[in-house]
N, C-alpha and C. Protein backbone atom coordinates (compact mmCIF):
# COMPACT_ATOMS: atom_id res chain seq x y z
N MET A 1 -85.89 -75.91 44.74
CA MET A 1 -86.66 -74.68 44.57
C MET A 1 -87.80 -74.96 43.59
N LYS A 2 -88.97 -74.45 43.92
CA LYS A 2 -90.09 -74.68 43.02
C LYS A 2 -91.13 -73.57 43.11
N LEU A 3 -91.98 -73.55 42.11
CA LEU A 3 -93.08 -72.60 42.03
C LEU A 3 -94.29 -73.22 42.72
N ILE A 4 -94.76 -72.57 43.77
CA ILE A 4 -95.87 -73.09 44.55
C ILE A 4 -97.21 -72.69 43.94
N SER A 5 -97.29 -71.45 43.46
CA SER A 5 -98.56 -70.94 42.95
C SER A 5 -98.30 -69.84 41.93
N VAL A 6 -99.14 -69.79 40.89
CA VAL A 6 -99.14 -68.69 39.93
C VAL A 6 -100.41 -67.89 40.19
N ASN A 7 -100.26 -66.58 40.41
CA ASN A 7 -101.39 -65.74 40.82
C ASN A 7 -101.53 -64.54 39.89
N VAL A 8 -102.75 -64.28 39.47
CA VAL A 8 -103.00 -63.15 38.58
C VAL A 8 -104.22 -62.37 39.06
N GLY A 9 -104.33 -61.15 38.55
CA GLY A 9 -105.49 -60.33 38.88
C GLY A 9 -105.56 -59.11 37.98
N LEU A 10 -106.75 -58.66 37.71
CA LEU A 10 -106.97 -57.48 36.88
C LEU A 10 -107.34 -56.29 37.76
N PRO A 11 -107.18 -55.08 37.26
CA PRO A 11 -107.54 -53.90 38.06
C PRO A 11 -109.01 -53.93 38.49
N GLN A 12 -109.23 -53.54 39.72
CA GLN A 12 -110.59 -53.42 40.23
C GLN A 12 -110.68 -52.20 41.13
N GLN A 13 -111.86 -51.64 41.19
CA GLN A 13 -112.06 -50.44 42.00
C GLN A 13 -112.56 -50.82 43.39
N VAL A 14 -111.88 -50.28 44.40
CA VAL A 14 -112.28 -50.51 45.78
C VAL A 14 -112.47 -49.14 46.45
N HIS A 15 -113.19 -49.13 47.54
CA HIS A 15 -113.40 -47.89 48.28
C HIS A 15 -112.54 -47.91 49.54
N TRP A 16 -111.79 -46.83 49.73
CA TRP A 16 -110.85 -46.73 50.85
C TRP A 16 -110.82 -45.29 51.34
N ARG A 17 -111.09 -45.14 52.61
CA ARG A 17 -111.07 -43.81 53.23
C ARG A 17 -111.94 -42.81 52.49
N GLY A 18 -113.10 -43.28 52.03
CA GLY A 18 -114.06 -42.40 51.40
C GLY A 18 -113.79 -42.08 49.95
N ARG A 19 -112.86 -42.79 49.33
CA ARG A 19 -112.61 -42.52 47.91
C ARG A 19 -112.42 -43.83 47.15
N ALA A 20 -112.60 -43.75 45.85
CA ALA A 20 -112.44 -44.92 44.99
C ALA A 20 -110.98 -45.05 44.59
N VAL A 21 -110.45 -46.27 44.67
CA VAL A 21 -109.06 -46.54 44.33
C VAL A 21 -109.02 -47.72 43.37
N LEU A 22 -108.25 -47.57 42.30
CA LEU A 22 -108.07 -48.67 41.35
C LEU A 22 -106.82 -49.44 41.76
N THR A 23 -106.97 -50.74 41.94
CA THR A 23 -105.85 -51.55 42.39
C THR A 23 -105.88 -52.94 41.76
N SER A 24 -104.69 -53.50 41.58
CA SER A 24 -104.57 -54.88 41.07
C SER A 24 -103.91 -55.78 42.09
N ILE A 25 -103.88 -55.36 43.35
CA ILE A 25 -103.14 -56.13 44.36
C ILE A 25 -103.84 -57.43 44.72
N ARG A 26 -105.10 -57.54 44.43
CA ARG A 26 -105.81 -58.78 44.76
C ARG A 26 -105.57 -59.81 43.66
N LYS A 27 -104.67 -60.73 43.94
CA LYS A 27 -104.33 -61.80 43.01
C LYS A 27 -104.93 -63.11 43.50
N ALA A 28 -105.22 -63.99 42.57
CA ALA A 28 -105.77 -65.30 42.91
C ALA A 28 -105.01 -66.38 42.15
N PRO A 29 -104.80 -67.54 42.78
CA PRO A 29 -104.10 -68.63 42.08
C PRO A 29 -104.89 -69.13 40.88
N VAL A 30 -104.16 -69.53 39.85
CA VAL A 30 -104.78 -70.10 38.65
C VAL A 30 -104.17 -71.47 38.39
N GLU A 31 -104.94 -72.34 37.81
CA GLU A 31 -104.46 -73.68 37.50
C GLU A 31 -103.94 -73.73 36.07
N GLY A 32 -103.12 -74.74 35.82
CA GLY A 32 -102.63 -74.95 34.47
C GLY A 32 -101.47 -74.02 34.13
N ARG A 33 -101.02 -74.14 32.90
CA ARG A 33 -99.88 -73.35 32.45
C ARG A 33 -100.33 -71.95 32.08
N VAL A 34 -99.52 -70.98 32.48
CA VAL A 34 -99.85 -69.57 32.27
C VAL A 34 -98.77 -68.96 31.39
N ARG A 35 -99.21 -68.21 30.39
CA ARG A 35 -98.28 -67.56 29.48
C ARG A 35 -97.54 -66.43 30.19
N VAL A 36 -96.22 -66.42 30.04
CA VAL A 36 -95.38 -65.35 30.57
C VAL A 36 -95.01 -64.43 29.42
N ASN A 37 -95.50 -63.20 29.48
CA ASN A 37 -95.19 -62.21 28.45
C ASN A 37 -94.12 -61.25 28.96
N ARG A 38 -93.64 -60.40 28.11
CA ARG A 38 -92.54 -59.52 28.47
C ARG A 38 -92.88 -58.58 29.62
N LEU A 39 -94.14 -58.15 29.72
CA LEU A 39 -94.52 -57.16 30.72
C LEU A 39 -95.37 -57.71 31.85
N ASN A 40 -95.89 -58.92 31.72
CA ASN A 40 -96.73 -59.49 32.78
C ASN A 40 -97.12 -60.91 32.41
N LEU A 41 -97.94 -61.50 33.25
CA LEU A 41 -98.49 -62.82 32.96
C LEU A 41 -99.84 -62.68 32.27
N GLU A 42 -100.21 -63.68 31.51
CA GLU A 42 -101.53 -63.67 30.89
C GLU A 42 -102.60 -63.66 31.99
N GLY A 43 -103.55 -62.75 31.86
CA GLY A 43 -104.60 -62.63 32.86
C GLY A 43 -104.26 -61.69 33.99
N ASP A 44 -103.09 -61.05 33.91
CA ASP A 44 -102.66 -60.13 34.96
C ASP A 44 -102.40 -58.76 34.34
N ARG A 45 -102.68 -57.71 35.11
CA ARG A 45 -102.40 -56.36 34.62
C ARG A 45 -102.22 -55.42 35.80
N GLN A 46 -101.27 -54.50 35.68
CA GLN A 46 -101.03 -53.52 36.73
C GLN A 46 -101.97 -52.33 36.56
N SER A 47 -102.30 -51.68 37.68
CA SER A 47 -103.26 -50.58 37.64
C SER A 47 -102.61 -49.23 37.35
N ASP A 48 -101.51 -48.93 38.02
CA ASP A 48 -100.87 -47.63 37.91
C ASP A 48 -99.46 -47.83 37.37
N LEU A 49 -99.30 -47.66 36.06
CA LEU A 49 -98.02 -47.95 35.42
C LEU A 49 -96.95 -46.91 35.74
N SER A 50 -97.32 -45.83 36.43
CA SER A 50 -96.30 -44.85 36.82
C SER A 50 -95.43 -45.38 37.95
N VAL A 51 -95.93 -46.32 38.73
CA VAL A 51 -95.16 -46.88 39.85
C VAL A 51 -95.11 -48.40 39.83
N HIS A 52 -95.96 -49.04 39.06
CA HIS A 52 -96.00 -50.50 39.00
C HIS A 52 -95.76 -50.96 37.57
N GLY A 53 -95.33 -52.18 37.44
CA GLY A 53 -95.19 -52.77 36.12
C GLY A 53 -93.99 -52.26 35.36
N GLY A 54 -94.02 -52.47 34.04
CA GLY A 54 -92.88 -52.16 33.20
C GLY A 54 -91.94 -53.34 33.12
N PRO A 55 -90.97 -53.29 32.21
CA PRO A 55 -90.08 -54.44 32.02
C PRO A 55 -89.26 -54.82 33.23
N GLU A 56 -88.96 -53.87 34.13
CA GLU A 56 -88.15 -54.19 35.31
C GLU A 56 -88.98 -54.71 36.48
N LYS A 57 -90.31 -54.65 36.35
CA LYS A 57 -91.22 -55.15 37.39
C LYS A 57 -92.31 -56.01 36.75
N ALA A 58 -91.91 -56.87 35.84
CA ALA A 58 -92.89 -57.65 35.09
C ALA A 58 -93.57 -58.71 35.95
N VAL A 59 -92.80 -59.35 36.83
CA VAL A 59 -93.31 -60.44 37.65
C VAL A 59 -92.84 -60.22 39.09
N TYR A 60 -93.76 -60.35 40.04
CA TYR A 60 -93.42 -60.18 41.44
C TYR A 60 -93.40 -61.54 42.13
N VAL A 61 -92.31 -61.81 42.85
CA VAL A 61 -92.10 -63.09 43.54
C VAL A 61 -92.20 -62.88 45.05
N TYR A 62 -92.90 -63.80 45.73
CA TYR A 62 -92.94 -63.75 47.19
C TYR A 62 -92.75 -65.16 47.74
N PRO A 63 -91.80 -65.33 48.66
CA PRO A 63 -91.52 -66.67 49.20
C PRO A 63 -92.66 -67.20 50.09
N VAL A 64 -93.02 -68.42 49.87
CA VAL A 64 -94.07 -69.05 50.68
C VAL A 64 -93.63 -69.16 52.14
N GLU A 65 -92.31 -69.20 52.38
CA GLU A 65 -91.80 -69.30 53.74
C GLU A 65 -92.25 -68.14 54.62
N HIS A 66 -92.54 -66.99 54.01
CA HIS A 66 -92.94 -65.82 54.80
C HIS A 66 -94.38 -65.89 55.30
N TYR A 67 -95.17 -66.75 54.72
CA TYR A 67 -96.58 -66.82 55.12
C TYR A 67 -96.75 -67.23 56.58
N GLU A 68 -95.87 -68.08 57.06
CA GLU A 68 -95.96 -68.50 58.46
C GLU A 68 -95.76 -67.31 59.40
N TYR A 69 -94.80 -66.44 59.06
CA TYR A 69 -94.56 -65.23 59.86
C TYR A 69 -95.82 -64.36 59.91
N TRP A 70 -96.42 -64.11 58.76
CA TRP A 70 -97.58 -63.23 58.72
C TRP A 70 -98.80 -63.87 59.37
N SER A 71 -98.88 -65.18 59.33
CA SER A 71 -99.97 -65.85 60.03
C SER A 71 -99.85 -65.65 61.54
N ARG A 72 -98.61 -65.60 62.03
CA ARG A 72 -98.41 -65.31 63.46
C ARG A 72 -98.71 -63.85 63.77
N GLU A 73 -98.36 -62.96 62.85
CA GLU A 73 -98.61 -61.54 63.05
C GLU A 73 -100.11 -61.22 63.03
N PHE A 74 -100.85 -61.93 62.19
CA PHE A 74 -102.28 -61.68 62.03
C PHE A 74 -103.06 -62.97 62.24
N PRO A 75 -103.11 -63.46 63.48
CA PRO A 75 -103.80 -64.73 63.74
C PRO A 75 -105.27 -64.65 63.36
N GLY A 76 -105.72 -65.69 62.69
CA GLY A 76 -107.11 -65.74 62.28
C GLY A 76 -107.38 -65.13 60.92
N MET A 77 -106.41 -64.42 60.35
CA MET A 77 -106.61 -63.82 59.03
C MET A 77 -106.38 -64.87 57.95
N ASP A 78 -107.26 -64.91 56.99
CA ASP A 78 -107.12 -65.82 55.86
C ASP A 78 -106.05 -65.27 54.92
N LEU A 79 -105.04 -66.08 54.63
CA LEU A 79 -103.94 -65.64 53.78
C LEU A 79 -103.71 -66.65 52.65
N PRO A 80 -104.57 -66.63 51.64
CA PRO A 80 -104.36 -67.52 50.50
C PRO A 80 -103.15 -67.08 49.69
N ARG A 81 -102.62 -67.96 48.87
CA ARG A 81 -101.50 -67.61 48.01
C ARG A 81 -101.91 -66.41 47.14
N GLY A 82 -100.97 -65.49 46.97
CA GLY A 82 -101.25 -64.26 46.23
C GLY A 82 -101.67 -63.11 47.12
N SER A 83 -101.70 -63.33 48.45
CA SER A 83 -102.18 -62.31 49.38
C SER A 83 -101.35 -61.04 49.36
N PHE A 84 -100.08 -61.13 48.97
CA PHE A 84 -99.21 -59.96 48.99
C PHE A 84 -99.09 -59.33 47.60
N GLY A 85 -99.96 -59.76 46.71
CA GLY A 85 -99.96 -59.22 45.36
C GLY A 85 -98.94 -59.87 44.45
N GLU A 86 -98.38 -61.00 44.92
CA GLU A 86 -97.33 -61.65 44.12
C GLU A 86 -97.92 -62.46 42.98
N ASN A 87 -97.15 -62.52 41.89
CA ASN A 87 -97.50 -63.37 40.76
C ASN A 87 -97.01 -64.80 40.97
N PHE A 88 -95.81 -64.92 41.52
CA PHE A 88 -95.23 -66.24 41.80
C PHE A 88 -95.06 -66.38 43.32
N THR A 89 -95.71 -67.37 43.89
CA THR A 89 -95.40 -67.78 45.26
C THR A 89 -94.40 -68.93 45.14
N THR A 90 -93.22 -68.77 45.75
CA THR A 90 -92.14 -69.71 45.51
C THR A 90 -91.66 -70.37 46.80
N GLU A 91 -90.94 -71.45 46.63
CA GLU A 91 -90.30 -72.14 47.75
C GLU A 91 -88.81 -72.24 47.48
N GLY A 92 -88.01 -71.83 48.47
CA GLY A 92 -86.56 -71.99 48.35
C GLY A 92 -85.82 -70.78 47.81
N LEU A 93 -86.51 -69.67 47.62
CA LEU A 93 -85.87 -68.44 47.11
C LEU A 93 -86.07 -67.33 48.13
N LEU A 94 -85.12 -67.14 49.01
CA LEU A 94 -85.21 -66.10 50.02
C LEU A 94 -84.36 -64.90 49.64
N GLU A 95 -84.77 -63.74 50.10
CA GLU A 95 -84.12 -62.48 49.74
C GLU A 95 -82.64 -62.47 50.09
N LYS A 96 -82.27 -63.12 51.17
CA LYS A 96 -80.87 -63.12 51.61
C LYS A 96 -79.98 -63.98 50.73
N ASP A 97 -80.58 -64.83 49.91
CA ASP A 97 -79.82 -65.74 49.07
C ASP A 97 -79.85 -65.38 47.59
N VAL A 98 -80.81 -64.56 47.19
CA VAL A 98 -80.98 -64.21 45.78
C VAL A 98 -80.26 -62.89 45.51
N ARG A 99 -79.40 -62.88 44.49
CA ARG A 99 -78.62 -61.69 44.16
C ARG A 99 -79.30 -60.87 43.06
N ILE A 100 -79.09 -59.57 43.12
CA ILE A 100 -79.50 -58.73 42.01
C ILE A 100 -78.71 -59.17 40.77
N GLY A 101 -79.40 -59.43 39.69
CA GLY A 101 -78.73 -59.87 38.47
C GLY A 101 -78.73 -61.37 38.26
N ASP A 102 -79.20 -62.14 39.25
CA ASP A 102 -79.33 -63.59 39.04
C ASP A 102 -80.34 -63.87 37.93
N ARG A 103 -80.10 -64.97 37.24
CA ARG A 103 -81.04 -65.42 36.20
C ARG A 103 -81.70 -66.71 36.66
N LEU A 104 -83.00 -66.79 36.43
CA LEU A 104 -83.79 -67.94 36.86
C LEU A 104 -84.59 -68.49 35.70
N GLN A 105 -84.74 -69.81 35.69
CA GLN A 105 -85.67 -70.43 34.75
C GLN A 105 -86.83 -71.03 35.53
N VAL A 106 -88.03 -70.69 35.09
CA VAL A 106 -89.26 -71.24 35.66
C VAL A 106 -90.10 -71.71 34.48
N GLY A 107 -90.39 -72.99 34.43
CA GLY A 107 -91.08 -73.50 33.25
C GLY A 107 -90.22 -73.30 32.02
N THR A 108 -90.80 -72.72 30.98
CA THR A 108 -90.03 -72.46 29.75
C THR A 108 -89.61 -71.01 29.65
N ALA A 109 -89.86 -70.23 30.69
CA ALA A 109 -89.50 -68.81 30.69
C ALA A 109 -88.22 -68.59 31.50
N GLU A 110 -87.48 -67.54 31.13
CA GLU A 110 -86.28 -67.17 31.87
C GLU A 110 -86.40 -65.74 32.37
N PHE A 111 -85.88 -65.51 33.58
CA PHE A 111 -86.07 -64.23 34.26
C PHE A 111 -84.76 -63.69 34.80
N PHE A 112 -84.80 -62.40 35.15
CA PHE A 112 -83.65 -61.67 35.68
C PHE A 112 -84.09 -60.94 36.93
N VAL A 113 -83.39 -61.12 38.04
CA VAL A 113 -83.75 -60.50 39.31
C VAL A 113 -83.33 -59.03 39.29
N THR A 114 -84.29 -58.11 39.51
CA THR A 114 -83.99 -56.69 39.36
C THR A 114 -83.95 -55.91 40.68
N GLN A 115 -84.87 -56.18 41.61
CA GLN A 115 -84.99 -55.29 42.77
C GLN A 115 -85.97 -55.86 43.80
N PRO A 116 -85.86 -55.40 45.05
CA PRO A 116 -86.88 -55.77 46.05
C PRO A 116 -88.17 -55.00 45.80
N ARG A 117 -89.22 -55.45 46.41
CA ARG A 117 -90.50 -54.77 46.30
C ARG A 117 -90.62 -53.72 47.41
N MET A 118 -90.89 -52.48 47.02
CA MET A 118 -91.18 -51.41 47.95
C MET A 118 -92.67 -51.09 47.81
N PRO A 119 -93.50 -51.50 48.75
CA PRO A 119 -94.95 -51.42 48.56
C PRO A 119 -95.48 -49.99 48.67
N CYS A 120 -96.61 -49.76 48.03
CA CYS A 120 -97.32 -48.50 48.18
C CYS A 120 -98.48 -48.71 49.17
N TYR A 121 -99.27 -47.68 49.36
CA TYR A 121 -100.36 -47.73 50.34
C TYR A 121 -101.41 -48.79 50.02
N LYS A 122 -101.42 -49.30 48.79
CA LYS A 122 -102.44 -50.28 48.43
C LYS A 122 -102.25 -51.61 49.15
N LEU A 123 -101.03 -51.87 49.62
CA LEU A 123 -100.85 -53.06 50.46
C LEU A 123 -101.64 -52.90 51.75
N GLY A 124 -101.69 -51.68 52.26
CA GLY A 124 -102.50 -51.40 53.44
C GLY A 124 -103.98 -51.60 53.17
N ILE A 125 -104.40 -51.24 51.96
CA ILE A 125 -105.81 -51.47 51.58
C ILE A 125 -106.10 -52.97 51.58
N ARG A 126 -105.19 -53.74 51.00
CA ARG A 126 -105.40 -55.19 50.91
C ARG A 126 -105.58 -55.81 52.29
N PHE A 127 -104.82 -55.32 53.28
CA PHE A 127 -104.88 -55.90 54.62
C PHE A 127 -105.77 -55.12 55.56
N GLY A 128 -106.30 -53.98 55.09
CA GLY A 128 -107.16 -53.18 55.94
C GLY A 128 -106.43 -52.59 57.13
N ARG A 129 -105.14 -52.24 56.93
CA ARG A 129 -104.31 -51.74 58.02
C ARG A 129 -103.47 -50.57 57.53
N ASP A 130 -103.52 -49.45 58.24
CA ASP A 130 -102.71 -48.30 57.87
C ASP A 130 -101.23 -48.53 58.13
N ASP A 131 -100.90 -49.46 59.02
CA ASP A 131 -99.50 -49.69 59.37
C ASP A 131 -98.86 -50.81 58.56
N MET A 132 -99.55 -51.34 57.57
CA MET A 132 -99.06 -52.54 56.89
C MET A 132 -97.78 -52.28 56.10
N VAL A 133 -97.69 -51.15 55.42
CA VAL A 133 -96.48 -50.87 54.64
C VAL A 133 -95.27 -50.80 55.56
N LYS A 134 -95.40 -50.11 56.70
CA LYS A 134 -94.31 -50.01 57.66
C LYS A 134 -93.93 -51.39 58.19
N ARG A 135 -94.91 -52.20 58.56
CA ARG A 135 -94.63 -53.52 59.09
C ARG A 135 -93.98 -54.42 58.04
N PHE A 136 -94.43 -54.29 56.83
CA PHE A 136 -93.89 -55.08 55.73
C PHE A 136 -92.41 -54.77 55.53
N LEU A 137 -92.05 -53.50 55.48
CA LEU A 137 -90.66 -53.11 55.27
C LEU A 137 -89.79 -53.49 56.47
N GLN A 138 -90.30 -53.27 57.66
CA GLN A 138 -89.52 -53.60 58.85
C GLN A 138 -89.27 -55.10 58.97
N SER A 139 -90.15 -55.90 58.43
CA SER A 139 -89.99 -57.36 58.51
C SER A 139 -88.83 -57.87 57.65
N GLY A 140 -88.46 -57.09 56.63
CA GLY A 140 -87.43 -57.55 55.70
C GLY A 140 -87.93 -58.58 54.70
N ARG A 141 -89.21 -58.90 54.78
CA ARG A 141 -89.80 -59.92 53.91
C ARG A 141 -90.46 -59.23 52.72
N THR A 142 -89.62 -58.75 51.81
CA THR A 142 -90.10 -57.88 50.73
C THR A 142 -90.49 -58.62 49.46
N GLY A 143 -89.91 -59.81 49.25
CA GLY A 143 -90.04 -60.41 47.93
C GLY A 143 -89.21 -59.61 46.93
N PHE A 144 -89.35 -59.94 45.65
CA PHE A 144 -88.54 -59.25 44.65
C PHE A 144 -89.18 -59.34 43.27
N TYR A 145 -88.72 -58.44 42.40
CA TYR A 145 -89.24 -58.36 41.04
C TYR A 145 -88.31 -59.04 40.05
N LEU A 146 -88.92 -59.50 38.96
CA LEU A 146 -88.20 -60.11 37.86
C LEU A 146 -88.52 -59.39 36.56
N SER A 147 -87.52 -59.27 35.70
CA SER A 147 -87.78 -58.93 34.31
C SER A 147 -87.79 -60.24 33.51
N VAL A 148 -88.42 -60.21 32.36
CA VAL A 148 -88.55 -61.42 31.55
C VAL A 148 -87.50 -61.40 30.44
N LEU A 149 -86.58 -62.34 30.50
CA LEU A 149 -85.56 -62.47 29.46
C LEU A 149 -86.05 -63.30 28.29
N ARG A 150 -86.82 -64.32 28.58
CA ARG A 150 -87.38 -65.17 27.54
C ARG A 150 -88.82 -65.50 27.88
N GLU A 151 -89.73 -65.16 27.00
CA GLU A 151 -91.13 -65.47 27.23
C GLU A 151 -91.35 -66.98 27.18
N GLY A 152 -92.41 -67.42 27.83
CA GLY A 152 -92.71 -68.85 27.85
C GLY A 152 -93.95 -69.13 28.65
N GLU A 153 -93.96 -70.25 29.35
CA GLU A 153 -95.09 -70.63 30.19
C GLU A 153 -94.59 -71.16 31.53
N ALA A 154 -95.43 -71.00 32.55
CA ALA A 154 -95.08 -71.51 33.88
C ALA A 154 -96.35 -72.00 34.56
N ALA A 155 -96.18 -72.93 35.49
CA ALA A 155 -97.31 -73.48 36.21
C ALA A 155 -96.87 -73.88 37.60
N ALA A 156 -97.82 -73.91 38.52
CA ALA A 156 -97.54 -74.38 39.88
C ALA A 156 -96.92 -75.77 39.81
N GLY A 157 -95.89 -75.97 40.61
CA GLY A 157 -95.18 -77.25 40.62
C GLY A 157 -93.92 -77.27 39.78
N ASP A 158 -93.75 -76.27 38.91
CA ASP A 158 -92.54 -76.21 38.09
C ASP A 158 -91.31 -76.02 38.97
N PRO A 159 -90.20 -76.70 38.64
CA PRO A 159 -88.95 -76.41 39.36
C PRO A 159 -88.42 -75.04 38.97
N ILE A 160 -87.67 -74.44 39.88
CA ILE A 160 -87.00 -73.17 39.62
C ILE A 160 -85.50 -73.43 39.66
N GLU A 161 -84.79 -72.97 38.64
CA GLU A 161 -83.35 -73.20 38.57
C GLU A 161 -82.63 -71.90 38.28
N PHE A 162 -81.45 -71.73 38.88
CA PHE A 162 -80.57 -70.63 38.49
C PHE A 162 -79.92 -71.00 37.16
N THR A 163 -80.04 -70.15 36.17
CA THR A 163 -79.32 -70.37 34.92
C THR A 163 -78.00 -69.61 34.92
N ALA A 164 -77.89 -68.60 35.78
CA ALA A 164 -76.64 -67.87 35.96
C ALA A 164 -76.71 -67.11 37.27
N ARG A 165 -75.58 -67.03 37.99
CA ARG A 165 -75.50 -66.24 39.22
C ARG A 165 -74.73 -64.96 38.93
N SER A 166 -75.18 -63.88 39.51
CA SER A 166 -74.52 -62.60 39.33
C SER A 166 -73.09 -62.64 39.84
N ASP A 167 -72.20 -61.94 39.15
CA ASP A 167 -70.81 -61.85 39.60
C ASP A 167 -70.70 -61.05 40.89
N HIS A 168 -71.66 -60.17 41.12
CA HIS A 168 -71.69 -59.39 42.35
C HIS A 168 -72.44 -60.19 43.41
N ASP A 169 -72.12 -59.95 44.67
CA ASP A 169 -72.79 -60.70 45.74
C ASP A 169 -73.76 -59.83 46.51
N VAL A 170 -74.30 -58.80 45.89
CA VAL A 170 -75.30 -57.94 46.53
C VAL A 170 -76.66 -58.60 46.39
N THR A 171 -77.28 -58.88 47.51
CA THR A 171 -78.54 -59.61 47.48
C THR A 171 -79.74 -58.67 47.49
N VAL A 172 -80.90 -59.25 47.26
CA VAL A 172 -82.15 -58.51 47.38
C VAL A 172 -82.28 -57.93 48.78
N ALA A 173 -81.93 -58.72 49.79
CA ALA A 173 -82.01 -58.26 51.18
C ALA A 173 -81.09 -57.07 51.42
N ASP A 174 -79.91 -57.06 50.79
CA ASP A 174 -78.98 -55.93 50.95
C ASP A 174 -79.60 -54.64 50.44
N ILE A 175 -80.22 -54.69 49.27
CA ILE A 175 -80.82 -53.49 48.69
C ILE A 175 -81.98 -53.02 49.55
N ALA A 176 -82.79 -53.94 50.02
CA ALA A 176 -83.91 -53.56 50.90
C ALA A 176 -83.40 -52.92 52.18
N ALA A 177 -82.30 -53.44 52.73
CA ALA A 177 -81.73 -52.89 53.96
C ALA A 177 -81.25 -51.46 53.77
N LEU A 178 -80.70 -51.16 52.59
CA LEU A 178 -80.25 -49.80 52.31
C LEU A 178 -81.42 -48.82 52.29
N TYR A 179 -82.59 -49.32 52.03
CA TYR A 179 -83.78 -48.47 52.01
C TYR A 179 -84.37 -48.30 53.40
N THR A 180 -84.06 -49.23 54.30
CA THR A 180 -84.71 -49.22 55.62
C THR A 180 -83.69 -48.97 56.74
N HIS A 181 -83.15 -50.03 57.35
CA HIS A 181 -82.38 -49.90 58.58
C HIS A 181 -80.88 -49.72 58.38
N ASP A 182 -80.37 -49.86 57.16
CA ASP A 182 -78.92 -49.76 56.92
C ASP A 182 -78.62 -48.65 55.92
N ALA A 183 -79.36 -47.57 56.04
CA ALA A 183 -79.34 -46.52 55.02
C ALA A 183 -78.00 -45.82 54.85
N ASP A 184 -77.17 -45.79 55.89
CA ASP A 184 -75.90 -45.07 55.83
C ASP A 184 -74.69 -45.98 55.61
N ASN A 185 -74.93 -47.19 55.19
CA ASN A 185 -73.83 -48.13 54.94
C ASN A 185 -73.13 -47.72 53.64
N GLN A 186 -72.07 -46.91 53.78
CA GLN A 186 -71.41 -46.36 52.60
C GLN A 186 -70.73 -47.43 51.75
N THR A 187 -70.18 -48.45 52.38
CA THR A 187 -69.55 -49.52 51.61
C THR A 187 -70.57 -50.22 50.73
N LEU A 188 -71.71 -50.56 51.30
CA LEU A 188 -72.74 -51.23 50.52
C LEU A 188 -73.36 -50.30 49.49
N LEU A 189 -73.51 -49.03 49.82
CA LEU A 189 -74.02 -48.07 48.85
C LEU A 189 -73.12 -47.99 47.62
N ARG A 190 -71.82 -47.98 47.84
CA ARG A 190 -70.90 -47.89 46.71
C ARG A 190 -70.94 -49.15 45.85
N ARG A 191 -71.14 -50.28 46.47
CA ARG A 191 -71.29 -51.51 45.69
C ARG A 191 -72.60 -51.49 44.91
N ALA A 192 -73.65 -50.97 45.53
CA ALA A 192 -74.96 -50.96 44.89
C ALA A 192 -75.00 -50.07 43.65
N VAL A 193 -74.35 -48.91 43.72
CA VAL A 193 -74.41 -48.00 42.57
C VAL A 193 -73.62 -48.54 41.38
N GLU A 194 -72.79 -49.55 41.61
CA GLU A 194 -72.02 -50.14 40.52
C GLU A 194 -72.69 -51.39 39.95
N LEU A 195 -73.86 -51.74 40.45
CA LEU A 195 -74.53 -52.95 39.99
C LEU A 195 -75.21 -52.71 38.64
N PRO A 196 -74.75 -53.34 37.57
CA PRO A 196 -75.39 -53.13 36.27
C PRO A 196 -76.81 -53.69 36.21
N GLY A 197 -77.11 -54.67 37.06
CA GLY A 197 -78.45 -55.26 37.03
C GLY A 197 -79.49 -54.51 37.80
N LEU A 198 -79.07 -53.55 38.63
CA LEU A 198 -80.01 -52.77 39.43
C LEU A 198 -80.55 -51.63 38.58
N PRO A 199 -81.88 -51.42 38.57
CA PRO A 199 -82.45 -50.34 37.76
C PRO A 199 -81.81 -48.99 38.06
N GLU A 200 -81.72 -48.15 37.04
CA GLU A 200 -81.05 -46.87 37.19
C GLU A 200 -81.72 -45.99 38.23
N SER A 201 -83.02 -46.11 38.40
CA SER A 201 -83.70 -45.30 39.41
C SER A 201 -83.17 -45.59 40.81
N TRP A 202 -82.92 -46.86 41.10
CA TRP A 202 -82.33 -47.24 42.39
C TRP A 202 -80.91 -46.74 42.51
N ARG A 203 -80.12 -46.90 41.46
CA ARG A 203 -78.72 -46.49 41.51
C ARG A 203 -78.60 -44.99 41.70
N ASP A 204 -79.46 -44.24 41.05
CA ASP A 204 -79.45 -42.79 41.20
C ASP A 204 -79.83 -42.39 42.63
N TYR A 205 -80.82 -43.08 43.19
CA TYR A 205 -81.24 -42.83 44.57
C TYR A 205 -80.09 -43.07 45.54
N PHE A 206 -79.34 -44.14 45.31
CA PHE A 206 -78.22 -44.45 46.20
C PHE A 206 -77.04 -43.49 46.00
N ARG A 207 -76.82 -43.04 44.76
CA ARG A 207 -75.74 -42.08 44.52
C ARG A 207 -75.93 -40.82 45.36
N LYS A 208 -77.15 -40.39 45.50
CA LYS A 208 -77.44 -39.16 46.24
C LYS A 208 -77.18 -39.33 47.74
N ARG A 209 -77.04 -40.56 48.19
CA ARG A 209 -76.82 -40.82 49.61
C ARG A 209 -75.35 -41.07 49.93
N LEU A 210 -74.50 -41.06 48.92
CA LEU A 210 -73.08 -41.27 49.16
C LEU A 210 -72.46 -40.00 49.74
N TRP A 211 -71.59 -40.19 50.71
CA TRP A 211 -70.86 -39.06 51.27
C TRP A 211 -69.72 -38.68 50.36
N GLU A 212 -69.44 -37.39 50.32
CA GLU A 212 -68.29 -36.92 49.56
C GLU A 212 -67.02 -37.30 50.32
N PRO A 213 -66.00 -37.78 49.60
CA PRO A 213 -64.74 -38.11 50.29
C PRO A 213 -64.10 -36.86 50.88
N ASP A 214 -63.42 -37.04 51.98
CA ASP A 214 -62.72 -35.90 52.60
C ASP A 214 -61.65 -35.35 51.68
N ALA A 215 -61.55 -34.03 51.67
CA ALA A 215 -60.54 -33.39 50.81
C ALA A 215 -59.14 -33.67 51.36
């Protein structure tokens, strides 16, 4: 497992559907070692902190393996690293294998896997497609967010190592499925609400979907 690219971007104003929108989804690869801070990477900043960023969404990871799929979906479209707004483009870390609560070391920084990425309409702006959010979720290729346990530095080419695996076997893909095509899976919902590593907002959302036991 390794880090393929480190991507950062600052908020910029774009015009979409006749209005100005502030977005940080346009990330670009950077060379050399990049400082990993508690809330983001050096040179990176989120635009709307009400839905993006914060300690539970400090760094966004997207597997490089998914780029081949999107290249087939959008033939002829240029898809440089960072196209999905990710900070880390990685190799060897797929949603079906990464558990909520896993700990990872990249460079000198250590991270904690918190949740899958649920995109907002700005992903559609990035791709110029109104259906992009729907297609992204249906693909199951969501990527995932990390919180920063130990600040440090990271650079393209750094190995990625698990420093600890979660005792629970609920993966990033499992949580994403509960949001999309497996919404009524009561067994998985009950496991998800008991995950200490899953943000409380997710756990509360899943609690509301649990069926009451029969009297």
